[in-house]
Amino acid sequence: MKKRKGKVKDGLVEVFYDNGQLEYRGNWKHVQTGLWERFYPNGQLESRENYRDGHLNGLVEMFYENGQLRMRINHTDGKENGLWEEFYENGQLESRENFKDGEQNGLRELFHENGQLRIRENYIDGWENGLYERFDSNGQLQFRGNYIDGELDGLVVLSDEDGNLTRTDTYRNGDLI
């Protein structure tokens, strides 16, 4: 990286590991701009990000060292916007959730490494709202409840690994009643 009087010179920035492999590269025009890429010491792509006026803008992708996609999310002016997906190293989907203006908004699903649904819940403006369900790795429902503004509210049902009802509780504004 070229520096002059404590400032980064405008243009292409490239930084290398001690082994000579490229660590990252991107464009600088007073701030990060355009495509930036970061690499593992073995040369494999680690991340790809787009910037506008120093803020993440557009698709961000991160990769495992084996090249498998690890995560992807869109940004608008530095805030998460749209679908965010994360993957296990074996390529199986780990999570899928939606963002609006940097906050969780809409359906969020998390998965066990075997592909079975682990958690399904909804968000409104960053707060859990609506039905929340948790499942074991065989797909059996373990927990079902409802959230209002991030607080458990209403009937909560718990089940064992065979799906048998083990307990019910009632909550109001996050407090067990």
N, C-alpha and C. Protein backbone atom coordinates (compact mmCIF):
# COMPACT_ATOMS: atom_id res chain seq x y z
N MET A 1 0.86 -1.16 0.00
CA MET A 1 0.00 0.00 0.00
C MET A 1 0.91 1.23 0.00
N LYS A 2 0.65 2.14 -0.87
CA LYS A 2 1.44 3.36 -0.96
C LYS A 2 0.87 4.40 -0.01
N LYS A 3 1.73 5.04 0.76
CA LYS A 3 1.29 6.08 1.68
C LYS A 3 2.11 7.35 1.43
N ARG A 4 1.47 8.47 1.64
CA ARG A 4 2.16 9.74 1.52
C ARG A 4 1.63 10.66 2.60
N LYS A 5 2.50 11.11 3.48
CA LYS A 5 2.12 12.01 4.57
C LYS A 5 0.95 11.46 5.37
N GLY A 6 0.96 10.14 5.66
CA GLY A 6 -0.07 9.53 6.49
C GLY A 6 -1.37 9.24 5.77
N LYS A 7 -1.44 9.48 4.48
CA LYS A 7 -2.67 9.23 3.73
C LYS A 7 -2.43 8.17 2.68
N VAL A 8 -3.46 7.43 2.37
CA VAL A 8 -3.39 6.45 1.30
C VAL A 8 -3.56 7.17 -0.01
N LYS A 9 -2.70 6.86 -0.97
CA LYS A 9 -2.77 7.47 -2.29
C LYS A 9 -3.98 6.91 -3.04
N ASP A 10 -4.69 7.78 -3.73
CA ASP A 10 -5.83 7.33 -4.53
C ASP A 10 -5.38 6.36 -5.61
N GLY A 11 -6.25 5.39 -5.89
CA GLY A 11 -5.96 4.41 -6.92
C GLY A 11 -6.07 3.00 -6.38
N LEU A 12 -5.48 2.08 -7.10
CA LEU A 12 -5.50 0.67 -6.71
C LEU A 12 -4.64 0.43 -5.48
N VAL A 13 -5.20 -0.25 -4.49
CA VAL A 13 -4.48 -0.61 -3.27
C VAL A 13 -4.32 -2.13 -3.28
N GLU A 14 -3.07 -2.58 -3.11
CA GLU A 14 -2.79 -4.01 -3.01
C GLU A 14 -1.86 -4.24 -1.83
N VAL A 15 -2.22 -5.20 -0.97
CA VAL A 15 -1.40 -5.57 0.18
C VAL A 15 -1.13 -7.07 0.07
N PHE A 16 0.12 -7.46 0.37
CA PHE A 16 0.54 -8.85 0.20
C PHE A 16 0.95 -9.46 1.53
N TYR A 17 0.73 -10.78 1.65
CA TYR A 17 1.23 -11.55 2.78
C TYR A 17 2.75 -11.67 2.66
N ASP A 18 3.39 -12.08 3.76
CA ASP A 18 4.84 -12.29 3.74
C ASP A 18 5.24 -13.35 2.72
N ASN A 19 4.33 -14.29 2.42
CA ASN A 19 4.64 -15.35 1.45
C ASN A 19 4.49 -14.88 0.00
N GLY A 20 4.13 -13.59 -0.20
CA GLY A 20 4.02 -13.04 -1.53
C GLY A 20 2.62 -13.11 -2.12
N GLN A 21 1.72 -13.84 -1.47
CA GLN A 21 0.35 -13.94 -1.95
C GLN A 21 -0.39 -12.63 -1.66
N LEU A 22 -1.28 -12.29 -2.56
CA LEU A 22 -2.11 -11.10 -2.40
C LEU A 22 -3.05 -11.28 -1.22
N GLU A 23 -3.07 -10.32 -0.26
CA GLU A 23 -3.96 -10.37 0.89
C GLU A 23 -5.28 -9.67 0.58
N TYR A 24 -5.20 -8.47 0.03
CA TYR A 24 -6.41 -7.79 -0.42
C TYR A 24 -6.07 -6.73 -1.46
N ARG A 25 -7.12 -6.36 -2.21
CA ARG A 25 -6.96 -5.31 -3.20
C ARG A 25 -8.29 -4.61 -3.39
N GLY A 26 -8.19 -3.34 -3.73
CA GLY A 26 -9.38 -2.56 -3.99
C GLY A 26 -9.01 -1.16 -4.41
N ASN A 27 -9.99 -0.39 -4.69
CA ASN A 27 -9.77 0.99 -5.13
C ASN A 27 -10.03 1.96 -4.00
N TRP A 28 -9.23 3.02 -4.01
CA TRP A 28 -9.31 4.05 -3.00
C TRP A 28 -9.44 5.39 -3.69
N LYS A 29 -10.46 6.13 -3.35
CA LYS A 29 -10.61 7.49 -3.84
C LYS A 29 -11.11 8.31 -2.66
N HIS A 30 -10.17 8.66 -1.79
CA HIS A 30 -10.42 9.30 -0.49
C HIS A 30 -11.05 8.34 0.51
N VAL A 31 -11.81 7.35 0.03
CA VAL A 31 -12.41 6.28 0.84
C VAL A 31 -12.46 5.03 -0.04
N GLN A 32 -12.81 3.90 0.57
CA GLN A 32 -12.97 2.68 -0.22
C GLN A 32 -14.06 2.91 -1.26
N THR A 33 -13.80 2.44 -2.48
CA THR A 33 -14.79 2.57 -3.54
C THR A 33 -14.67 1.39 -4.50
N GLY A 34 -15.78 0.96 -5.03
CA GLY A 34 -15.77 -0.13 -5.98
C GLY A 34 -15.53 -1.48 -5.33
N LEU A 35 -15.02 -2.41 -6.12
CA LEU A 35 -14.81 -3.78 -5.68
C LEU A 35 -13.56 -3.91 -4.82
N TRP A 36 -13.71 -4.59 -3.66
CA TRP A 36 -12.60 -4.96 -2.80
C TRP A 36 -12.62 -6.46 -2.63
N GLU A 37 -11.45 -7.07 -2.72
CA GLU A 37 -11.34 -8.52 -2.55
C GLU A 37 -10.26 -8.82 -1.52
N ARG A 38 -10.55 -9.81 -0.66
CA ARG A 38 -9.60 -10.27 0.35
C ARG A 38 -9.34 -11.75 0.07
N PHE A 39 -8.09 -12.18 0.29
CA PHE A 39 -7.67 -13.54 -0.04
C PHE A 39 -7.05 -14.22 1.18
N TYR A 40 -7.20 -15.54 1.25
CA TYR A 40 -6.50 -16.34 2.25
C TYR A 40 -5.02 -16.42 1.87
N PRO A 41 -4.15 -16.77 2.84
CA PRO A 41 -2.71 -16.87 2.52
C PRO A 41 -2.40 -17.85 1.39
N ASN A 42 -3.29 -18.82 1.14
CA ASN A 42 -3.06 -19.78 0.06
C ASN A 42 -3.52 -19.24 -1.30
N GLY A 43 -4.05 -18.00 -1.34
CA GLY A 43 -4.49 -17.40 -2.59
C GLY A 43 -5.97 -17.55 -2.89
N GLN A 44 -6.67 -18.36 -2.10
CA GLN A 44 -8.11 -18.57 -2.30
C GLN A 44 -8.88 -17.31 -1.89
N LEU A 45 -9.90 -16.95 -2.66
CA LEU A 45 -10.72 -15.78 -2.37
C LEU A 45 -11.44 -15.96 -1.03
N GLU A 46 -11.33 -14.96 -0.13
CA GLU A 46 -11.99 -14.99 1.18
C GLU A 46 -13.27 -14.14 1.17
N SER A 47 -13.22 -12.97 0.53
CA SER A 47 -14.41 -12.12 0.47
C SER A 47 -14.35 -11.20 -0.73
N ARG A 48 -15.56 -10.79 -1.13
CA ARG A 48 -15.72 -9.86 -2.24
C ARG A 48 -16.78 -8.85 -1.80
N GLU A 49 -16.42 -7.57 -1.80
CA GLU A 49 -17.32 -6.53 -1.30
C GLU A 49 -17.31 -5.35 -2.27
N ASN A 50 -18.43 -4.66 -2.33
CA ASN A 50 -18.53 -3.46 -3.15
C ASN A 50 -18.78 -2.26 -2.24
N TYR A 51 -18.11 -1.16 -2.56
CA TYR A 51 -18.23 0.05 -1.76
C TYR A 51 -18.63 1.24 -2.64
N ARG A 52 -19.38 2.14 -2.01
CA ARG A 52 -19.68 3.43 -2.62
C ARG A 52 -19.54 4.47 -1.52
N ASP A 53 -18.71 5.45 -1.76
CA ASP A 53 -18.47 6.52 -0.79
C ASP A 53 -18.07 5.96 0.59
N GLY A 54 -17.28 4.90 0.59
CA GLY A 54 -16.77 4.32 1.83
C GLY A 54 -17.72 3.40 2.55
N HIS A 55 -18.92 3.17 2.01
CA HIS A 55 -19.92 2.30 2.63
C HIS A 55 -20.16 1.07 1.77
N LEU A 56 -20.38 -0.05 2.43
CA LEU A 56 -20.76 -1.25 1.68
C LEU A 56 -22.00 -0.95 0.87
N ASN A 57 -21.97 -1.34 -0.39
CA ASN A 57 -23.10 -1.08 -1.27
C ASN A 57 -23.12 -2.14 -2.36
N GLY A 58 -24.15 -2.97 -2.33
CA GLY A 58 -24.23 -4.07 -3.28
C GLY A 58 -23.96 -5.39 -2.59
N LEU A 59 -23.65 -6.38 -3.39
CA LEU A 59 -23.47 -7.74 -2.89
C LEU A 59 -22.15 -7.90 -2.15
N VAL A 60 -22.22 -8.54 -0.97
CA VAL A 60 -21.05 -8.95 -0.20
C VAL A 60 -21.07 -10.46 -0.15
N GLU A 61 -19.95 -11.07 -0.51
CA GLU A 61 -19.83 -12.53 -0.44
C GLU A 61 -18.58 -12.88 0.34
N MET A 62 -18.71 -13.91 1.20
CA MET A 62 -17.58 -14.44 1.94
C MET A 62 -17.49 -15.93 1.63
N PHE A 63 -16.25 -16.46 1.62
CA PHE A 63 -16.01 -17.84 1.23
C PHE A 63 -15.17 -18.55 2.28
N TYR A 64 -15.38 -19.86 2.39
CA TYR A 64 -14.50 -20.69 3.21
C TYR A 64 -13.18 -20.87 2.46
N GLU A 65 -12.17 -21.31 3.19
CA GLU A 65 -10.86 -21.49 2.57
C GLU A 65 -10.87 -22.55 1.47
N ASN A 66 -11.87 -23.45 1.51
CA ASN A 66 -11.99 -24.46 0.46
C ASN A 66 -12.72 -23.93 -0.78
N GLY A 67 -13.11 -22.64 -0.77
CA GLY A 67 -13.77 -22.03 -1.92
C GLY A 67 -15.28 -22.05 -1.85
N GLN A 68 -15.83 -22.79 -0.90
CA GLN A 68 -17.28 -22.88 -0.75
C GLN A 68 -17.85 -21.55 -0.23
N LEU A 69 -18.99 -21.14 -0.78
CA LEU A 69 -19.64 -19.90 -0.34
C LEU A 69 -20.02 -20.02 1.13
N ARG A 70 -19.67 -19.02 1.92
CA ARG A 70 -19.95 -18.99 3.36
C ARG A 70 -21.15 -18.09 3.69
N MET A 71 -21.25 -16.93 2.98
CA MET A 71 -22.28 -15.96 3.29
C MET A 71 -22.45 -15.01 2.12
N ARG A 72 -23.71 -14.54 1.93
CA ARG A 72 -23.94 -13.47 0.97
C ARG A 72 -25.09 -12.61 1.46
N ILE A 73 -24.91 -11.29 1.24
CA ILE A 73 -25.91 -10.31 1.69
C ILE A 73 -25.74 -9.05 0.84
N ASN A 74 -26.82 -8.39 0.59
CA ASN A 74 -26.78 -7.11 -0.11
C ASN A 74 -26.77 -5.98 0.90
N HIS A 75 -26.10 -4.91 0.54
CA HIS A 75 -26.05 -3.70 1.35
C HIS A 75 -26.48 -2.51 0.51
N THR A 76 -27.10 -1.56 1.15
CA THR A 76 -27.43 -0.27 0.54
C THR A 76 -26.93 0.81 1.50
N ASP A 77 -25.98 1.60 1.04
CA ASP A 77 -25.40 2.68 1.86
C ASP A 77 -24.96 2.19 3.23
N GLY A 78 -24.31 1.02 3.27
CA GLY A 78 -23.75 0.49 4.50
C GLY A 78 -24.69 -0.32 5.36
N LYS A 79 -25.94 -0.46 4.95
CA LYS A 79 -26.92 -1.21 5.74
C LYS A 79 -27.36 -2.46 5.00
N GLU A 80 -27.54 -3.55 5.78
CA GLU A 80 -28.02 -4.78 5.19
C GLU A 80 -29.41 -4.55 4.61
N ASN A 81 -29.63 -5.08 3.40
CA ASN A 81 -30.91 -4.94 2.73
C ASN A 81 -31.17 -6.16 1.88
N GLY A 82 -32.27 -6.84 2.14
CA GLY A 82 -32.63 -8.00 1.35
C GLY A 82 -32.26 -9.30 2.03
N LEU A 83 -32.12 -10.32 1.22
CA LEU A 83 -31.87 -11.67 1.70
C LEU A 83 -30.43 -11.85 2.15
N TRP A 84 -30.26 -12.40 3.36
CA TRP A 84 -28.95 -12.76 3.92
C TRP A 84 -28.94 -14.27 4.03
N GLU A 85 -27.95 -14.90 3.42
CA GLU A 85 -27.83 -16.35 3.49
C GLU A 85 -26.45 -16.73 4.00
N GLU A 86 -26.41 -17.73 4.88
CA GLU A 86 -25.15 -18.30 5.36
C GLU A 86 -25.19 -19.79 5.10
N PHE A 87 -24.00 -20.36 4.86
CA PHE A 87 -23.89 -21.76 4.49
C PHE A 87 -22.85 -22.46 5.37
N TYR A 88 -23.11 -23.74 5.64
CA TYR A 88 -22.11 -24.57 6.30
C TYR A 88 -20.98 -24.82 5.30
N GLU A 89 -19.84 -25.26 5.82
CA GLU A 89 -18.69 -25.49 4.95
C GLU A 89 -18.96 -26.58 3.91
N ASN A 90 -19.93 -27.46 4.19
CA ASN A 90 -20.27 -28.51 3.23
C ASN A 90 -21.23 -28.01 2.14
N GLY A 91 -21.60 -26.73 2.19
CA GLY A 91 -22.48 -26.14 1.18
C GLY A 91 -23.95 -26.12 1.57
N GLN A 92 -24.30 -26.81 2.64
CA GLN A 92 -25.69 -26.85 3.10
C GLN A 92 -26.10 -25.49 3.68
N LEU A 93 -27.30 -25.05 3.38
CA LEU A 93 -27.81 -23.77 3.89
C LEU A 93 -27.88 -23.80 5.42
N GLU A 94 -27.30 -22.80 6.08
CA GLU A 94 -27.30 -22.69 7.53
C GLU A 94 -28.38 -21.72 8.02
N SER A 95 -28.53 -20.60 7.32
CA SER A 95 -29.55 -19.63 7.71
C SER A 95 -29.97 -18.79 6.51
N ARG A 96 -31.20 -18.31 6.62
CA ARG A 96 -31.77 -17.44 5.58
C ARG A 96 -32.66 -16.45 6.31
N GLU A 97 -32.37 -15.17 6.13
CA GLU A 97 -33.16 -14.15 6.80
C GLU A 97 -33.21 -12.90 5.93
N ASN A 98 -34.15 -12.03 6.25
CA ASN A 98 -34.36 -10.82 5.47
C ASN A 98 -34.05 -9.59 6.30
N PHE A 99 -33.51 -8.58 5.62
CA PHE A 99 -33.17 -7.32 6.26
C PHE A 99 -33.77 -6.16 5.48
N LYS A 100 -34.08 -5.11 6.20
CA LYS A 100 -34.54 -3.87 5.60
C LYS A 100 -33.91 -2.72 6.37
N ASP A 101 -33.15 -1.90 5.68
CA ASP A 101 -32.47 -0.76 6.30
C ASP A 101 -31.65 -1.16 7.52
N GLY A 102 -30.96 -2.31 7.43
CA GLY A 102 -30.05 -2.75 8.48
C GLY A 102 -30.69 -3.51 9.62
N GLU A 103 -32.00 -3.73 9.57
CA GLU A 103 -32.68 -4.48 10.63
C GLU A 103 -33.35 -5.73 10.08
N GLN A 104 -33.38 -6.78 10.91
CA GLN A 104 -34.09 -7.98 10.51
C GLN A 104 -35.55 -7.63 10.28
N ASN A 105 -36.08 -8.13 9.16
CA ASN A 105 -37.45 -7.81 8.81
C ASN A 105 -38.00 -8.92 7.93
N GLY A 106 -38.93 -9.69 8.47
CA GLY A 106 -39.51 -10.79 7.71
C GLY A 106 -39.08 -12.13 8.27
N LEU A 107 -39.22 -13.15 7.45
CA LEU A 107 -38.95 -14.53 7.86
C LEU A 107 -37.47 -14.77 8.07
N ARG A 108 -37.16 -15.49 9.16
CA ARG A 108 -35.80 -15.95 9.46
C ARG A 108 -35.87 -17.45 9.68
N GLU A 109 -35.01 -18.19 8.97
CA GLU A 109 -34.96 -19.64 9.13
C GLU A 109 -33.51 -20.06 9.34
N LEU A 110 -33.31 -20.94 10.33
CA LEU A 110 -32.01 -21.54 10.59
C LEU A 110 -32.15 -23.04 10.41
N PHE A 111 -31.07 -23.67 9.90
CA PHE A 111 -31.13 -25.08 9.57
C PHE A 111 -30.02 -25.85 10.27
N HIS A 112 -30.33 -27.10 10.59
CA HIS A 112 -29.30 -28.01 11.08
C HIS A 112 -28.39 -28.36 9.91
N GLU A 113 -27.19 -28.86 10.21
CA GLU A 113 -26.24 -29.18 9.15
C GLU A 113 -26.76 -30.26 8.21
N ASN A 114 -27.72 -31.07 8.68
CA ASN A 114 -28.30 -32.12 7.82
C ASN A 114 -29.41 -31.58 6.92
N GLY A 115 -29.69 -30.28 6.99
CA GLY A 115 -30.69 -29.65 6.14
C GLY A 115 -32.05 -29.49 6.78
N GLN A 116 -32.28 -30.12 7.92
CA GLN A 116 -33.56 -30.00 8.61
C GLN A 116 -33.71 -28.59 9.21
N LEU A 117 -34.92 -28.08 9.15
CA LEU A 117 -35.22 -26.78 9.74
C LEU A 117 -34.97 -26.82 11.24
N ARG A 118 -34.25 -25.82 11.77
CA ARG A 118 -33.94 -25.74 13.20
C ARG A 118 -34.82 -24.69 13.89
N ILE A 119 -34.92 -23.49 13.29
CA ILE A 119 -35.72 -22.40 13.86
C ILE A 119 -36.42 -21.66 12.73
N ARG A 120 -37.69 -21.33 12.98
CA ARG A 120 -38.44 -20.48 12.05
C ARG A 120 -39.09 -19.40 12.89
N GLU A 121 -38.86 -18.13 12.51
CA GLU A 121 -39.41 -17.01 13.25
C GLU A 121 -39.55 -15.81 12.32
N ASN A 122 -40.28 -14.81 12.79
CA ASN A 122 -40.51 -13.60 12.01
C ASN A 122 -40.03 -12.38 12.77
N TYR A 123 -39.60 -11.39 12.01
CA TYR A 123 -39.14 -10.12 12.59
C TYR A 123 -39.87 -8.96 11.92
N ILE A 124 -40.11 -7.93 12.70
CA ILE A 124 -40.61 -6.66 12.20
C ILE A 124 -39.73 -5.57 12.81
N ASP A 125 -39.05 -4.82 11.96
CA ASP A 125 -38.18 -3.72 12.40
C ASP A 125 -37.19 -4.15 13.48
N GLY A 126 -36.60 -5.34 13.32
CA GLY A 126 -35.57 -5.82 14.22
C GLY A 126 -36.07 -6.54 15.47
N TRP A 127 -37.38 -6.67 15.63
CA TRP A 127 -37.95 -7.34 16.80
C TRP A 127 -38.65 -8.62 16.38
N GLU A 128 -38.48 -9.68 17.19
CA GLU A 128 -39.23 -10.91 16.95
C GLU A 128 -40.71 -10.60 17.10
N ASN A 129 -41.48 -11.01 16.10
CA ASN A 129 -42.92 -10.80 16.11
C ASN A 129 -43.59 -11.97 15.41
N GLY A 130 -44.53 -12.59 16.11
CA GLY A 130 -45.27 -13.69 15.51
C GLY A 130 -44.77 -15.04 15.98
N LEU A 131 -45.12 -16.04 15.22
CA LEU A 131 -44.84 -17.43 15.57
C LEU A 131 -43.34 -17.73 15.58
N TYR A 132 -42.89 -18.43 16.62
CA TYR A 132 -41.52 -18.91 16.75
C TYR A 132 -41.61 -20.42 16.93
N GLU A 133 -40.84 -21.16 16.11
CA GLU A 133 -40.81 -22.62 16.24
C GLU A 133 -39.36 -23.08 16.21
N ARG A 134 -39.06 -24.08 17.07
CA ARG A 134 -37.73 -24.70 17.12
C ARG A 134 -37.89 -26.20 16.94
N PHE A 135 -37.04 -26.80 16.10
CA PHE A 135 -37.12 -28.21 15.76
C PHE A 135 -35.79 -28.90 16.06
N ASP A 136 -35.85 -30.19 16.35
CA ASP A 136 -34.61 -30.95 16.53
C ASP A 136 -34.07 -31.36 15.15
N SER A 137 -32.93 -32.02 15.15
CA SER A 137 -32.26 -32.36 13.89
C SER A 137 -33.02 -33.41 13.07
N ASN A 138 -34.05 -34.02 13.66
CA ASN A 138 -34.90 -34.96 12.92
C ASN A 138 -36.18 -34.30 12.41
N GLY A 139 -36.31 -33.01 12.66
CA GLY A 139 -37.48 -32.28 12.19
C GLY A 139 -38.65 -32.27 13.15
N GLN A 140 -38.44 -32.80 14.35
CA GLN A 140 -39.51 -32.86 15.34
C GLN A 140 -39.62 -31.52 16.08
N LEU A 141 -40.83 -30.99 16.17
CA LEU A 141 -41.08 -29.74 16.86
C LEU A 141 -40.74 -29.87 18.35
N GLN A 142 -39.93 -28.96 18.88
CA GLN A 142 -39.54 -28.96 20.30
C GLN A 142 -40.22 -27.82 21.06
N PHE A 143 -40.43 -26.70 20.38
CA PHE A 143 -40.90 -25.49 21.06
C PHE A 143 -41.73 -24.68 20.08
N ARG A 144 -42.86 -24.18 20.55
CA ARG A 144 -43.68 -23.28 19.74
C ARG A 144 -44.23 -22.20 20.65
N GLY A 145 -44.04 -20.96 20.22
CA GLY A 145 -44.53 -19.83 20.99
C GLY A 145 -44.75 -18.63 20.09
N ASN A 146 -45.22 -17.57 20.68
CA ASN A 146 -45.51 -16.36 19.93
C ASN A 146 -44.78 -15.18 20.57
N TYR A 147 -44.25 -14.30 19.72
CA TYR A 147 -43.57 -13.10 20.19
C TYR A 147 -44.33 -11.86 19.75
N ILE A 148 -44.32 -10.86 20.61
CA ILE A 148 -44.81 -9.54 20.28
C ILE A 148 -43.72 -8.55 20.71
N ASP A 149 -43.19 -7.82 19.75
CA ASP A 149 -42.12 -6.83 20.02
C ASP A 149 -40.97 -7.42 20.83
N GLY A 150 -40.55 -8.64 20.48
CA GLY A 150 -39.40 -9.27 21.10
C GLY A 150 -39.66 -9.97 22.41
N GLU A 151 -40.91 -10.02 22.86
CA GLU A 151 -41.26 -10.65 24.13
C GLU A 151 -42.21 -11.83 23.90
N LEU A 152 -41.95 -12.95 24.58
CA LEU A 152 -42.90 -14.06 24.51
C LEU A 152 -44.26 -13.59 25.01
N ASP A 153 -45.31 -14.00 24.29
CA ASP A 153 -46.65 -13.57 24.67
C ASP A 153 -47.63 -14.64 24.21
N GLY A 154 -48.35 -15.23 25.17
CA GLY A 154 -49.33 -16.25 24.85
C GLY A 154 -48.85 -17.64 25.24
N LEU A 155 -49.47 -18.63 24.66
CA LEU A 155 -49.19 -20.03 24.98
C LEU A 155 -47.87 -20.49 24.37
N VAL A 156 -47.05 -21.17 25.19
CA VAL A 156 -45.80 -21.79 24.75
C VAL A 156 -45.95 -23.29 24.94
N VAL A 157 -45.64 -24.05 23.90
CA VAL A 157 -45.78 -25.51 23.92
C VAL A 157 -44.40 -26.13 23.74
N LEU A 158 -44.05 -27.06 24.65
CA LEU A 158 -42.79 -27.79 24.57
C LEU A 158 -43.09 -29.27 24.37
N SER A 159 -42.28 -29.91 23.51
CA SER A 159 -42.47 -31.33 23.20
C SER A 159 -41.16 -32.07 23.33
N ASP A 160 -41.26 -33.39 23.56
CA ASP A 160 -40.05 -34.21 23.63
C ASP A 160 -39.63 -34.65 22.23
N GLU A 161 -38.56 -35.47 22.17
CA GLU A 161 -38.01 -35.88 20.87
C GLU A 161 -38.97 -36.74 20.05
N ASP A 162 -40.01 -37.27 20.67
CA ASP A 162 -41.01 -38.06 19.95
C ASP A 162 -42.24 -37.25 19.57
N GLY A 163 -42.23 -35.96 19.91
CA GLY A 163 -43.36 -35.10 19.58
C GLY A 163 -44.44 -35.08 20.63
N ASN A 164 -44.21 -35.73 21.76
CA ASN A 164 -45.19 -35.74 22.84
C ASN A 164 -45.13 -34.44 23.63
N LEU A 165 -46.28 -33.89 23.92
CA LEU A 165 -46.38 -32.67 24.70
C LEU A 165 -45.79 -32.92 26.09
N THR A 166 -44.85 -32.07 26.51
CA THR A 166 -44.24 -32.22 27.83
C THR A 166 -44.62 -31.08 28.77
N ARG A 167 -44.95 -29.91 28.20
CA ARG A 167 -45.26 -28.77 29.06
C ARG A 167 -45.89 -27.67 28.23
N THR A 168 -46.75 -26.93 28.88
CA THR A 168 -47.27 -25.69 28.29
C THR A 168 -47.12 -24.58 29.32
N ASP A 169 -46.78 -23.42 28.86
CA ASP A 169 -46.65 -22.25 29.72
C ASP A 169 -47.38 -21.09 29.03
N THR A 170 -47.76 -20.13 29.82
CA THR A 170 -48.38 -18.93 29.26
C THR A 170 -47.55 -17.72 29.68
N TYR A 171 -47.28 -16.88 28.69
CA TYR A 171 -46.49 -15.67 28.90
C TYR A 171 -47.30 -14.44 28.56
N ARG A 172 -47.00 -13.36 29.24
CA ARG A 172 -47.57 -12.06 28.90
C ARG A 172 -46.44 -11.04 29.00
N ASN A 173 -46.18 -10.37 27.88
CA ASN A 173 -45.10 -9.36 27.82
C ASN A 173 -43.77 -9.91 28.30
N GLY A 174 -43.47 -11.17 27.98
CA GLY A 174 -42.20 -11.78 28.33
C GLY A 174 -42.14 -12.40 29.70
N ASP A 175 -43.20 -12.27 30.50
CA ASP A 175 -43.21 -12.82 31.85
C ASP A 175 -44.09 -14.07 31.90
N LEU A 176 -43.59 -15.09 32.57
CA LEU A 176 -44.36 -16.31 32.79
C LEU A 176 -45.49 -16.01 33.76
N ILE A 177 -46.72 -16.39 33.37
CA ILE A 177 -47.85 -16.14 34.29
C ILE A 177 -48.47 -17.45 34.73
